Protein backbone atom coordinates (compact mmCIF):
# COMPACT_ATOMS: atom_id res chain seq x y z
CA MET A 1 64.21 164.98 47.65
CA VAL A 2 64.52 160.91 47.42
CA GLY A 3 63.74 159.40 50.65
CA ARG A 4 65.10 156.19 52.13
CA PRO A 5 64.75 152.95 50.16
CA TYR A 6 63.28 151.21 52.99
CA ASP A 7 60.44 151.69 55.41
CA CYS A 8 61.80 150.97 58.99
CA LEU A 9 58.38 150.86 60.30
CA ALA A 10 56.24 148.40 58.01
CA ASN A 11 59.29 146.59 56.70
CA PRO A 12 62.13 146.81 59.24
CA LEU A 13 63.73 143.48 57.64
CA GLY A 14 63.93 145.07 54.45
CA ALA A 15 66.04 147.68 55.88
CA VAL A 16 68.32 145.13 58.09
CA ARG A 17 68.88 143.40 54.31
CA PHE A 18 69.50 146.45 52.74
CA SER A 19 72.00 147.52 55.07
CA PHE A 20 73.73 144.09 55.05
CA GLU A 21 74.04 144.24 51.64
CA LYS A 22 75.51 147.73 51.67
CA ALA A 23 78.01 146.19 54.15
CA VAL A 24 78.92 143.40 52.31
CA SER A 25 79.27 145.30 48.88
CA SER A 26 81.63 147.43 50.91
CA GLY A 27 84.10 144.58 51.29
CA SER A 28 83.30 143.32 55.01
CA ASP A 29 83.27 140.02 55.89
CA PRO A 30 80.04 138.42 57.31
CA ALA A 31 81.85 136.48 59.32
CA SER A 32 82.58 139.23 61.75
CA PHE A 33 78.62 140.23 61.80
CA ASP A 34 77.86 137.68 64.43
CA ARG A 35 79.36 140.30 66.87
CA ASN A 36 78.64 143.19 64.93
CA ASP A 37 75.45 144.67 63.83
CA TRP A 38 77.01 146.37 60.43
CA GLY A 39 75.19 149.49 61.59
CA VAL A 40 71.76 148.15 62.09
CA ALA A 41 71.22 149.53 65.42
CA ASP A 42 72.50 153.01 64.54
CA LEU A 43 70.24 153.15 61.71
CA PHE A 44 66.97 152.41 63.85
CA ARG A 45 68.32 154.66 66.60
CA GLU A 46 68.56 157.49 64.18
CA PHE A 47 64.86 156.75 62.86
CA LEU A 48 63.31 156.25 66.37
CA PHE A 49 65.22 159.21 68.31
CA ASP A 50 66.53 161.51 66.00
CA ASN A 51 63.53 161.55 63.38
CA ASP A 52 60.91 160.88 66.09
CA GLY A 53 59.88 157.67 64.92
CA LEU A 54 59.33 156.28 68.30
CA ASN A 55 55.73 157.67 68.67
CA GLN A 56 54.86 156.06 65.34
CA VAL A 57 55.88 152.51 66.37
CA PRO A 58 52.94 150.40 67.85
CA MET A 59 52.87 149.06 71.66
CA LEU A 60 52.54 145.57 71.53
CA THR A 61 49.67 144.58 73.85
CA PRO A 62 46.49 142.01 74.37
CA SER A 63 44.69 144.14 71.91
CA THR A 64 46.96 145.40 69.42
CA VAL A 65 48.58 141.63 68.84
CA LYS A 66 45.52 140.67 67.24
CA TRP A 67 46.05 143.59 64.50
CA VAL A 68 49.68 144.13 63.85
CA GLN A 69 51.65 142.91 61.09
CA PRO A 70 53.97 140.11 61.17
CA ASN A 71 57.34 141.35 60.52
CA SER A 72 56.68 145.04 61.31
CA LEU A 73 58.22 147.06 63.95
CA VAL A 74 56.54 147.12 67.22
CA ARG A 75 57.72 148.00 71.02
CA PHE A 76 57.30 146.27 74.16
CA ARG A 77 57.50 147.21 77.85
CA GLY A 78 57.98 144.48 80.37
CA MET A 79 60.27 143.21 82.99
CA ILE A 80 62.80 140.39 82.45
CA GLN A 81 61.15 137.50 84.48
CA ASP A 82 63.62 134.67 83.18
CA MET A 83 66.61 134.26 81.01
CA LEU A 84 66.29 131.03 78.85
CA GLY A 85 69.83 130.94 77.73
CA ASN A 86 71.06 131.26 74.22
CA GLU A 87 70.17 129.54 70.90
CA PHE A 88 72.21 129.06 67.87
CA TYR A 89 70.97 129.93 64.13
CA VAL A 90 72.00 130.25 60.52
CA GLY A 91 72.80 133.91 60.80
CA ALA A 92 74.36 134.50 57.28
CA TYR A 93 74.69 132.15 54.07
CA LYS A 94 75.55 132.19 50.52
CA SER A 95 73.17 131.42 47.66
CA ASN A 96 74.07 131.54 44.11
CA ASP A 97 77.21 133.85 45.09
CA THR A 98 75.27 135.90 46.92
CA TRP A 99 75.32 136.65 50.91
CA ASN A 100 71.98 136.81 52.62
CA THR A 101 71.12 137.02 56.36
CA ASN A 102 68.45 135.82 58.77
CA LYS A 103 69.23 137.94 61.61
CA PHE A 104 66.01 139.36 63.37
CA THR A 105 63.80 136.60 62.24
CA ASP A 106 62.94 133.05 62.82
CA VAL A 107 62.67 132.05 59.22
CA SER A 108 64.90 132.32 56.15
CA GLN A 109 63.35 134.51 53.29
CA TYR A 110 65.03 132.48 50.68
CA PRO A 111 66.05 128.53 50.38
CA MET A 112 69.21 127.98 52.00
CA GLY A 113 70.11 124.82 50.57
CA THR A 114 73.11 122.71 51.49
CA SER A 115 75.48 125.66 50.94
CA SER A 116 78.81 124.99 52.93
CA HIS A 117 78.86 128.91 52.97
CA THR A 118 76.96 129.38 56.11
CA ARG A 119 77.40 131.44 59.26
CA ILE A 120 76.09 129.94 62.80
CA TRP A 121 75.57 132.75 65.30
CA GLU A 122 74.06 133.16 68.55
CA ARG A 123 71.71 134.99 70.23
CA ARG A 124 70.10 135.13 73.68
CA LEU A 125 66.47 134.31 74.87
CA LEU A 126 64.57 136.38 77.55
CA TYR A 127 61.03 135.63 78.78
CA CYS A 128 59.52 138.99 79.60
CA VAL A 129 56.19 139.85 81.17
CA PRO A 130 54.24 142.99 82.25
CA VAL A 131 55.64 144.59 85.21
CA PRO A 132 54.05 142.97 88.26
CA GLY A 133 52.10 145.71 90.15
CA LEU A 134 52.14 148.03 87.29
CA ASN A 135 49.54 150.82 87.95
CA SER A 136 47.25 151.81 85.25
CA TRP A 137 48.47 155.43 85.07
CA ALA A 138 51.94 153.96 84.00
CA ASP A 139 50.66 151.31 81.82
CA ALA A 140 51.68 152.99 78.47
CA THR A 141 50.17 150.17 76.60
CA SER A 142 46.85 151.92 77.13
CA ASP A 143 47.85 154.99 75.71
CA GLY A 144 47.05 155.86 71.91
CA VAL A 145 48.10 152.40 70.45
CA VAL A 146 45.14 151.79 68.30
CA ASN A 147 45.92 155.31 66.18
CA THR A 148 49.45 154.52 66.16
CA TYR A 149 48.67 150.92 64.64
CA ALA A 150 46.19 152.59 62.29
CA THR A 151 48.85 154.79 60.65
CA SER A 152 51.15 151.95 60.07
CA ALA A 153 48.14 149.64 58.77
CA SER A 154 47.16 151.95 56.34
CA ARG A 155 50.82 152.59 55.02
CA GLU A 156 51.24 148.84 54.75
CA LYS A 157 47.94 148.85 52.54
CA ARG A 158 49.08 151.57 50.45
CA GLN A 159 52.45 149.91 49.87
CA ARG A 160 50.92 146.26 49.13
CA ASP A 161 48.55 148.37 46.67
CA ASN A 162 51.30 150.46 44.93
CA CYS A 163 53.67 147.27 45.07
CA SER A 164 56.63 149.93 45.11
CA VAL A 165 58.40 151.50 47.81
CA SER A 166 57.68 155.08 48.50
CA ASP A 167 60.26 157.74 48.09
CA GLU A 168 59.25 159.50 51.45
CA VAL A 169 57.00 158.24 53.92
CA GLU A 170 54.96 160.36 55.90
CA MET A 171 54.09 159.76 59.36
CA GLN A 172 51.40 160.89 61.72
CA ASP A 173 51.59 161.43 65.25
CA SER A 174 49.62 159.06 67.46
CA ASN A 175 48.73 161.26 70.06
CA ASN A 176 47.20 163.74 67.61
CA ALA A 177 45.67 161.25 65.40
CA ILE A 178 41.87 162.80 64.12
CA PRO A 179 39.12 160.29 65.18
CA ASP A 180 37.19 160.71 62.06
CA SER A 181 40.35 160.28 59.72
CA PRO A 182 40.98 157.60 57.10
CA SER A 183 43.49 155.37 59.10
CA ALA A 184 41.08 155.71 62.46
CA LYS A 185 38.03 154.53 60.19
CA LYS A 186 40.20 151.92 58.74
CA MET A 187 40.70 150.42 62.31
CA ARG A 188 37.42 150.52 63.50
CA ASP A 189 36.59 148.71 60.21
CA VAL A 190 38.96 145.98 61.11
CA GLU A 191 37.69 145.56 64.64
CA SER A 192 34.34 145.18 63.67
CA LEU A 193 35.22 142.14 61.29
CA PRO A 194 34.30 138.69 62.59
CA GLN A 195 36.96 136.32 63.84
CA GLU A 196 36.65 134.13 61.08
CA ASN A 197 37.66 136.67 58.35
CA MET A 198 40.94 137.83 60.06
CA THR A 199 43.17 135.35 58.01
CA ASP A 200 41.23 137.18 54.74
CA CYS A 201 42.63 140.13 55.83
CA GLY A 202 46.11 139.23 56.12
CA MET A 203 46.10 138.78 59.79
CA ILE A 204 46.78 135.91 62.24
CA MET A 205 44.79 134.32 64.59
CA VAL A 206 45.88 134.78 68.32
CA PRO A 207 44.97 133.49 71.68
CA ASP A 208 43.20 135.80 73.96
CA PHE A 209 45.42 137.84 76.54
CA ASP A 210 44.53 139.94 79.60
CA ARG A 211 46.83 143.08 80.59
CA ASN A 212 48.42 141.10 83.41
CA ASN A 213 49.31 137.68 81.39
CA PHE A 214 50.77 138.80 78.37
CA PRO A 215 54.41 137.16 77.92
CA CYS A 216 56.74 137.89 75.15
CA LEU A 217 60.08 136.12 74.12
CA VAL A 218 62.57 138.76 73.34
CA LYS A 219 65.62 137.69 71.15
CA ILE A 220 68.44 139.90 72.07
CA TYR A 221 71.42 140.58 69.62
CA ASP A 222 74.90 141.97 70.12
CA THR A 223 74.36 143.15 73.78
CA PRO A 224 76.78 142.00 76.52
CA GLU A 225 75.17 140.14 79.12
CA SER A 226 76.09 142.16 81.89
CA ASP A 227 73.83 144.74 80.35
CA LEU A 228 70.89 142.90 81.14
CA LYS A 229 69.87 141.35 84.42
CA LEU A 230 66.74 139.43 85.94
CA ASN A 231 63.87 141.93 86.77
CA ASP A 232 65.08 144.89 84.64
CA VAL A 233 62.37 147.01 83.24
CA LEU A 234 62.96 147.64 79.57
CA GLU A 235 61.15 148.91 76.33
CA PHE A 236 62.32 146.52 73.21
CA ILE A 237 61.94 147.75 69.99
CA GLY A 238 62.32 145.03 67.20
CA VAL A 239 60.43 142.93 64.66
CA LEU A 240 57.36 140.90 65.86
CA THR A 241 56.68 137.30 64.66
CA PHE A 242 53.75 135.65 65.72
CA ASP A 243 53.53 132.80 63.32
CA THR A 244 50.70 129.73 64.10
CA ASP A 245 52.55 127.86 61.50
CA VAL A 246 55.65 128.12 59.16
CA LYS A 247 54.24 127.56 55.89
CA ASN A 248 53.76 128.86 52.26
CA GLY A 249 57.23 128.39 51.12
CA GLU A 250 58.94 129.90 54.16
CA HIS A 251 61.92 128.11 55.16
CA GLU A 252 62.58 127.49 59.09
CA LEU A 253 66.08 127.98 60.08
CA GLU A 254 67.39 124.51 61.03
CA ASN A 255 68.77 124.04 64.62
CA CYS A 256 67.12 127.40 65.52
CA PHE A 257 65.32 126.18 68.71
CA ASP A 258 66.20 124.09 71.39
CA GLN A 259 62.81 122.24 72.13
CA GLU A 260 63.47 121.47 75.62
CA GLU A 261 64.49 125.26 76.45
CA LEU A 262 61.21 126.57 74.78
CA VAL A 263 58.92 124.12 75.87
CA ASN A 264 55.39 125.34 76.59
CA LEU A 265 56.26 128.32 74.49
CA PRO A 266 55.09 127.76 71.26
CA PRO A 267 55.31 130.59 68.54
CA SER A 268 51.51 130.35 68.16
CA LYS A 269 50.96 131.59 71.62
CA VAL A 270 53.92 133.89 72.78
CA PRO A 271 54.87 136.39 70.52
CA ARG A 272 58.77 136.75 69.58
CA LEU A 273 59.98 139.78 69.22
CA HIS A 274 63.55 140.40 67.49
CA CYS A 275 65.20 143.27 69.41
CA LEU A 276 66.81 146.21 67.43
CA VAL A 277 66.82 148.67 70.14
CA HIS A 278 66.38 148.46 73.72
CA ARG A 279 66.46 150.86 76.63
CA LYS A 280 66.30 150.41 80.34
CA LEU A 281 63.23 152.50 82.02
CA SER A 282 63.51 154.63 85.05
CA PRO A 283 60.52 155.47 86.97
CA ILE A 284 60.37 158.83 85.41
CA ASP A 285 60.07 157.10 82.11
CA MET A 286 56.95 155.26 83.54
CA ILE A 287 55.47 158.83 83.80
CA LEU A 288 53.62 159.45 80.55
CA ARG A 289 53.46 163.02 80.35
CA SER A 290 56.51 163.94 82.52
CA PRO A 291 56.96 167.49 83.05
CA THR A 292 60.19 168.67 81.40
CA ILE A 293 61.46 170.88 84.08
CA GLU A 294 64.52 171.23 86.06
CA PRO A 295 64.52 169.76 89.85
CA LYS A 296 65.29 173.48 91.28
CA PRO A 297 64.90 173.54 95.22
CA HIS A 298 62.49 176.29 95.13
CA LEU A 299 59.97 174.26 92.79
CA MET A 300 60.95 171.25 94.56
CA LYS A 301 59.68 172.68 97.95
CA GLU A 302 56.38 173.99 96.35
CA ILE A 303 55.72 170.43 94.98
CA ARG A 304 56.96 168.83 98.21
CA GLU A 305 54.37 170.88 100.23
CA SER A 306 51.36 170.23 98.10
CA LEU A 307 52.04 166.42 98.27
CA LEU A 308 52.71 166.56 101.90
CA ARG A 309 49.20 168.18 102.38
CA HIS A 310 47.71 165.53 100.34
CA LEU A 311 49.06 163.00 102.60
CA THR A 312 48.22 164.41 105.72
CA VAL A 313 44.63 164.45 104.57
CA VAL A 314 44.81 160.88 103.48
CA LEU A 315 45.88 160.14 106.85
CA GLY A 316 43.06 161.95 108.71
CA ASP A 317 45.48 165.27 109.61
CA ASP A 318 48.03 162.76 111.26
CA ASP A 319 50.97 165.22 110.23
CA LEU A 320 53.67 163.37 111.69
CA ALA A 321 52.66 159.98 109.93
CA ALA A 322 52.55 161.79 106.61
CA ASN A 323 56.10 163.13 107.18
CA PHE A 324 57.08 159.83 107.84
CA ILE A 325 55.33 158.42 104.80
CA LEU A 326 56.90 160.89 102.29
CA LEU A 327 60.66 159.83 103.45
CA HIS A 328 59.36 156.32 103.06
CA LEU A 329 58.09 156.80 99.55
CA LEU A 330 61.40 158.42 98.65
CA SER A 331 63.77 155.77 99.97
CA LYS A 332 65.82 153.71 97.81
CA VAL A 333 69.06 151.51 98.38
CA HIS A 334 72.02 153.80 96.91
CA ILE A 335 74.73 151.59 98.35
CA ARG A 336 75.39 148.39 100.03
CA VAL A 337 77.86 147.78 102.88
CA ASP A 338 78.65 144.02 103.59
CA SER A 339 74.99 143.10 104.33
CA ILE A 340 73.74 146.48 104.75
CA ALA A 341 71.61 148.08 102.38
CA VAL A 342 71.96 151.74 103.13
CA GLY A 343 69.05 154.08 102.03
CA LYS A 344 65.90 151.54 102.72
CA LEU A 345 63.46 152.93 105.16
CA SER A 346 60.65 150.31 105.68
CA LEU A 347 57.78 151.71 107.94
CA ASN A 348 55.41 150.16 110.32
CA LEU A 349 52.23 152.09 111.16
CA THR A 350 50.57 150.68 114.13
CA CYS A 351 47.28 151.44 116.05
CA PHE A 352 44.96 150.14 113.58
CA ASP A 353 41.95 148.09 114.06
CA LYS A 354 39.17 146.83 111.67
CA SER A 355 37.22 150.06 111.43
CA SER A 356 40.07 152.12 110.79
CA ILE A 357 42.13 149.55 108.46
CA SER A 358 38.81 149.75 106.38
CA VAL A 359 39.08 153.53 105.95
CA PHE A 360 42.57 154.67 105.96
CA GLY A 361 44.07 151.22 104.73
CA ASN A 362 42.30 152.03 101.46
CA ARG A 363 43.33 155.43 101.33
CA ILE A 364 46.99 154.50 101.83
CA ASN A 365 46.60 151.91 99.10
CA ASP A 366 44.81 154.31 96.79
CA ALA A 367 47.34 156.88 97.40
CA VAL A 368 50.57 154.82 96.66
CA LYS A 369 48.94 153.31 93.58
CA ASN A 370 48.40 157.08 92.30
CA LEU A 371 52.19 158.03 92.98
CA LEU A 372 54.24 155.11 92.07
CA PRO A 373 54.46 153.05 89.13
CA PHE A 374 54.85 149.29 90.65
CA SER A 375 52.64 148.56 93.72
CA GLN A 376 51.36 145.60 95.46
CA CYS A 377 49.29 144.84 98.56
CA ILE A 378 49.82 141.76 100.43
CA PRO A 379 46.88 140.82 103.08
CA LEU A 380 49.10 138.68 105.76
CA THR A 381 47.21 135.60 107.06
CA VAL A 382 48.31 132.34 108.12
CA GLU A 383 46.90 130.61 105.44
CA PHE A 384 48.66 133.08 102.97
CA LEU A 385 51.90 132.31 104.61
CA ASN A 386 51.18 128.57 104.35
CA THR A 387 50.09 128.24 100.94
CA ALA A 388 51.88 131.25 99.09
CA SER A 389 54.83 130.85 96.51
CA LEU A 390 56.84 133.94 97.49
CA ALA A 391 60.50 132.80 95.99
CA PRO A 392 61.15 132.17 92.44
CA VAL A 393 61.79 128.20 91.87
CA LYS A 394 63.56 126.78 89.04
CA ASP A 395 61.68 123.97 87.20
CA TYR A 396 64.06 121.93 85.39
CA GLN A 397 61.62 119.90 83.45
CA THR A 398 60.40 122.90 81.52
CA ASN A 399 63.84 124.75 82.21
CA ARG A 400 61.75 127.84 83.40
CA LEU A 401 61.89 129.78 86.29
CA VAL A 402 58.66 129.59 87.97
CA PRO A 403 57.96 133.08 89.32
CA GLY A 404 57.02 133.97 93.08
CA ALA A 405 54.95 136.71 94.41
CA LEU A 406 57.96 138.79 95.55
CA GLN A 407 59.86 138.60 92.42
CA CYS A 408 59.43 142.05 90.92
CA ALA A 409 61.23 145.31 89.41
CA GLU A 410 63.35 147.58 91.17
CA GLY A 411 61.51 150.43 92.78
CA SER A 412 58.21 148.35 93.74
CA HIS A 413 56.13 149.12 96.84
CA PHE A 414 54.75 146.39 99.07
CA THR A 415 52.04 147.30 101.46
CA ILE A 416 51.46 144.43 104.14
CA ASP A 417 48.15 144.53 105.85
CA GLU A 418 49.03 142.51 109.39
CA THR A 419 45.80 143.47 110.82
CA GLN A 420 44.25 140.32 109.02
CA LEU A 421 46.91 137.97 111.01
CA GLN A 422 45.07 135.38 113.51
CA SER A 423 46.50 132.79 115.80
CA GLY A 424 47.52 129.74 113.96
CA THR A 425 50.06 127.17 113.18
CA LEU A 426 52.71 127.81 110.38
CA ASN A 427 53.84 125.07 108.20
CA SER A 428 57.03 124.69 106.93
CA ASN A 429 56.34 126.49 103.87
CA GLY A 430 54.72 129.10 106.13
CA ILE A 431 58.12 129.21 108.04
CA GLU A 432 60.12 129.60 105.03
CA ASN A 433 57.97 132.73 103.65
CA THR A 434 58.32 134.28 106.77
CA ARG A 435 61.94 134.14 106.59
CA LEU A 436 61.82 135.20 103.06
CA LEU A 437 59.51 138.25 104.13
CA LYS A 438 62.04 139.20 106.94
CA ASP A 439 65.19 139.00 104.65
CA LEU A 440 63.83 141.02 101.83
CA MET A 441 62.70 143.79 104.65
CA GLU A 442 65.93 143.71 106.72
CA PHE A 443 68.67 142.94 103.77
CA GLN A 444 66.99 143.99 100.72
CA LYS A 445 67.52 140.25 99.09
CA LEU A 446 65.27 137.67 97.86
CA GLU A 447 66.23 134.26 97.57
CA TYR A 448 65.86 131.99 94.47
CA ASP A 449 65.33 128.47 94.89
CA PHE A 450 67.50 126.41 91.90
CA LYS A 451 66.71 123.16 93.88
CA TYR A 452 70.40 122.09 93.86
CA TYR A 453 71.22 125.73 95.69
CA LYS A 454 69.98 128.80 96.50
CA MET A 455 70.79 132.15 95.51
CA GLN A 456 70.43 135.77 96.94
CA MET A 457 69.52 138.49 94.41
CA ASP A 458 69.76 141.85 95.47
CA THR A 459 66.31 143.90 95.43
CA ASP A 460 65.28 147.45 96.22
CA VAL A 461 61.70 147.65 97.38
CA GLN A 462 59.68 149.88 99.70
CA ILE A 463 57.57 147.86 102.34
CA LEU A 464 54.95 149.22 104.54
CA ILE A 465 53.41 147.14 107.17
CA LEU A 466 50.11 148.12 108.59
CA SER A 467 49.20 146.38 111.88
CA GLU A 468 47.40 146.62 115.54
CA GLY A 469 50.86 146.59 117.29
CA LYS A 470 54.41 146.39 116.43
CA SER A 471 55.21 143.61 114.01
CA ASN A 472 56.71 140.58 115.29
CA ILE A 473 56.99 139.03 112.03
CA LEU A 474 58.67 141.95 109.80
CA PRO A 475 60.34 144.39 112.04
CA ALA A 476 60.52 147.52 110.29
CA ASP A 477 63.05 150.34 110.36
CA ILE A 478 60.64 152.70 111.88
CA VAL A 479 57.43 152.15 113.83
CA ILE A 480 55.07 155.00 114.64
CA PRO A 481 51.76 154.64 116.04
CA PHE A 482 49.10 156.12 113.53
CA HIS A 483 47.00 158.64 115.10
CA PRO A 484 44.41 159.98 112.63
CA SER A 485 42.03 162.90 114.14
CA SER A 486 39.44 163.18 111.35
CA VAL A 487 37.96 161.10 108.76
CA GLY A 488 36.80 163.78 106.20
CA PRO A 489 36.56 163.24 102.52
CA THR A 490 39.74 162.89 100.25
CA THR A 491 39.39 165.61 97.53
CA VAL A 492 39.70 164.78 93.96
CA VAL A 493 43.30 165.36 92.47
CA ASP A 494 43.85 166.34 88.84
CA GLU A 495 45.94 164.58 86.73
CA GLN A 496 48.32 167.50 86.16
CA THR A 497 49.05 167.80 89.91
CA LEU A 498 49.27 164.12 90.01
CA ASN A 499 51.84 163.87 87.39
CA ALA A 500 53.83 166.81 89.20
CA TRP A 501 54.06 164.72 92.34
CA ARG A 502 55.20 161.41 90.26
CA TRP A 503 57.67 163.36 88.79
CA TYR A 504 58.71 164.91 92.14
CA LEU A 505 59.20 161.57 93.73
CA ALA A 506 60.85 159.93 90.98
CA THR A 507 63.26 162.86 90.68
CA ALA A 508 64.07 163.31 94.50
CA ARG A 509 64.83 159.62 94.85
CA SER A 510 67.86 159.99 92.05
CA LEU A 511 69.37 162.95 93.48
CA PRO A 512 72.82 162.48 94.87
CA HIS A 513 73.18 163.71 98.65
CA THR A 514 76.19 164.44 100.59
CA ILE A 515 77.09 165.64 104.29
CA GLY A 516 79.56 168.59 104.33
CA GLU A 517 82.40 168.67 106.84
CA ASP A 518 80.76 171.18 109.09
CA MET A 519 77.74 168.97 109.11
CA GLN A 520 79.44 165.94 110.02
CA LYS A 521 80.67 167.38 113.14
CA VAL A 522 77.17 168.46 114.22
CA VAL A 523 75.86 165.03 113.41
CA GLU A 524 78.64 163.17 115.20
CA ASP A 525 78.21 165.50 118.31
CA ASP A 526 74.43 165.04 118.34
CA MET A 527 74.96 161.14 118.23
CA VAL A 528 77.36 161.36 120.83
CA ALA A 529 75.05 163.39 122.85
CA ALA A 530 72.14 160.97 122.19
CA ARG A 531 74.02 157.90 123.12
CA GLN A 532 74.82 159.39 126.55
CA ALA A 533 71.27 160.07 127.36
CA ASP A 534 69.90 156.91 126.04
CA ARG A 535 72.06 154.00 126.44
CA SER A 536 70.02 151.72 124.41
CA LEU A 537 70.59 153.48 120.99
CA GLY A 538 73.05 151.65 118.68
CA THR A 539 74.34 151.59 115.34
CA GLU A 540 71.17 150.64 113.58
CA ASP A 541 69.38 153.87 115.27
CA PHE A 542 72.24 156.18 113.98
CA ASN A 543 72.45 154.75 110.69
CA ARG A 544 68.51 155.24 110.32
CA TRP A 545 69.06 158.99 111.53
CA LEU A 546 71.90 159.41 108.57
CA THR A 547 69.14 157.98 106.19
CA MET A 548 66.30 160.08 107.45
CA GLY A 549 68.77 162.90 107.02
CA ARG A 550 69.46 162.16 103.39
CA LEU A 551 65.81 161.75 102.61
CA MET A 552 64.73 165.14 104.35
CA GLY A 553 67.37 166.60 102.08
CA VAL A 554 66.53 165.17 98.79
CA SER A 555 62.77 165.96 99.53
CA PHE A 556 63.60 169.70 99.61
CA GLY A 557 65.69 169.10 96.14
CA GLU A 558 68.87 169.58 98.02
CA THR A 559 72.05 167.56 97.47
CA CYS A 560 73.63 168.51 100.97
CA LEU A 561 72.41 168.22 104.34
CA SER A 562 71.67 171.71 106.04
CA HIS A 563 71.33 172.04 109.74
CA GLU A 564 67.77 173.04 109.21
CA HIS A 565 66.84 169.72 107.74
CA TRP A 566 68.95 167.66 110.06
CA GLN A 567 67.06 169.54 113.23
CA MET A 568 63.69 168.41 111.15
CA VAL A 569 65.07 164.66 111.17
CA LYS A 570 65.80 165.21 115.20
CA GLU A 571 62.29 166.62 115.76
CA MET A 572 60.46 163.99 114.17
CA GLU A 573 62.38 161.32 116.08
CA ARG A 574 61.45 162.99 119.03
CA LEU A 575 57.66 163.18 118.38
CA ARG A 576 57.87 159.45 117.48
CA LYS A 577 59.52 158.59 120.58
CA GLU A 578 56.62 160.61 122.39
CA ARG A 579 53.92 158.59 120.73
CA LEU A 580 55.79 155.25 121.59
CA LYS A 581 55.66 155.83 125.35
């Protein structure tokens, strides 16, 4: 059987050129290729998803960037922190009556000369970073990347040794790589080489990165601007370029870089990834070993019960607080009506002191980190409010968006420890930061400062406040006094159970939910009766009840509110009000 005349993994640019030449020979006009990928994306999607090639593509990380070959296929997971605009480049040119392409690369493979037969194309620049608050269990960059690279590295060596294209490329599953295999041994040998020998091995010298500071400049082709937005979390698969210098006969693309736009982003320090395929990642995609099961109600109920028992133990046998925490972890903005973000459910646990926050605060933080892919803890103090940069600010000297502490991915969780807040004076920055936090909680919006104007961006984050009394700075949707009755040890949870809980939370949050006509009448009658009994109840209270009803339904895997679940919501509210008294 005759295999592919190119290797998508080790020589993706060869696949690009092969498909380009095939398209040109069939009569297609290269002038139309600036908005048309002439079938390249489909070619790589087939390799990645239909032929199970995705598992063979090395993940770009601070460790693997030192070993992966330039111009090979890699994947990078990250959040779009900034959009740097567009750049123009020579996309196609004619040399000796033959059309060539520079798409998906920074340098021309052949001399372009001064031919008038050139095509200027455009691509978008995205500055991407590791997702803020990414928890270690959801970090795919630490899962099997070494063996994945070892396979591609050994194949690349075979191709250089043979100086020919193999008829059929045999791929090895990175998750099942044998520790003592030749490819794994090669990787260990490479890792043991001294730094000064790296260039002798055909590798490039790169600076040291840490896991939380590993930017990547992603170049996007043939994608509508509406498909990608700021703070999206994506997996980009494309051609890696990380050149410390452009030399050895390579020809830099003229007018390729706008120096003002790319200031402080030298290619020797920030990897370039020319994206061939990208996909937006959901919370379920962040679960590395997500169970492939159908969310049937009886299964969802079983997982719910086990998770609720776990949360109850974490919270010192406070069953009511555990039920509210569960609904809080399931909350998300599912629709916006005017300025109201419908679906959010911020929570304020009160009655903490120095001793209880040291015990239960850590327990809650650990539980959230083990359950959600993105979470951060903010110790709220006067000094923090006065000095922190919470909102992103545009720096026009570098033409970069300087990130703020609150710029985060959709679905992020913030635990705010207000027990450390002492009396003091807020300066202008502190007052502004207080307003930003309040708007984030109330409206699910974050203000971006572009110097000459400010723009509010929609967010979808969960906010939990731990405080001594009711927070005056951050008025949450629900306030409940925390009443633990024991301080017993928490049990160690195995990874399989944790993955089931993670899958449950991600799946339940994505379920649709409605209220049938019969239940609408029941809910309306209950709200009228509640209003007659307590004139202080208003629209916000009723909206909160409806949100809780929806979350209670999806927590059981149900897509329609039942009378039983509505009664559970009413009982939770009754018990909460008793505590508030």
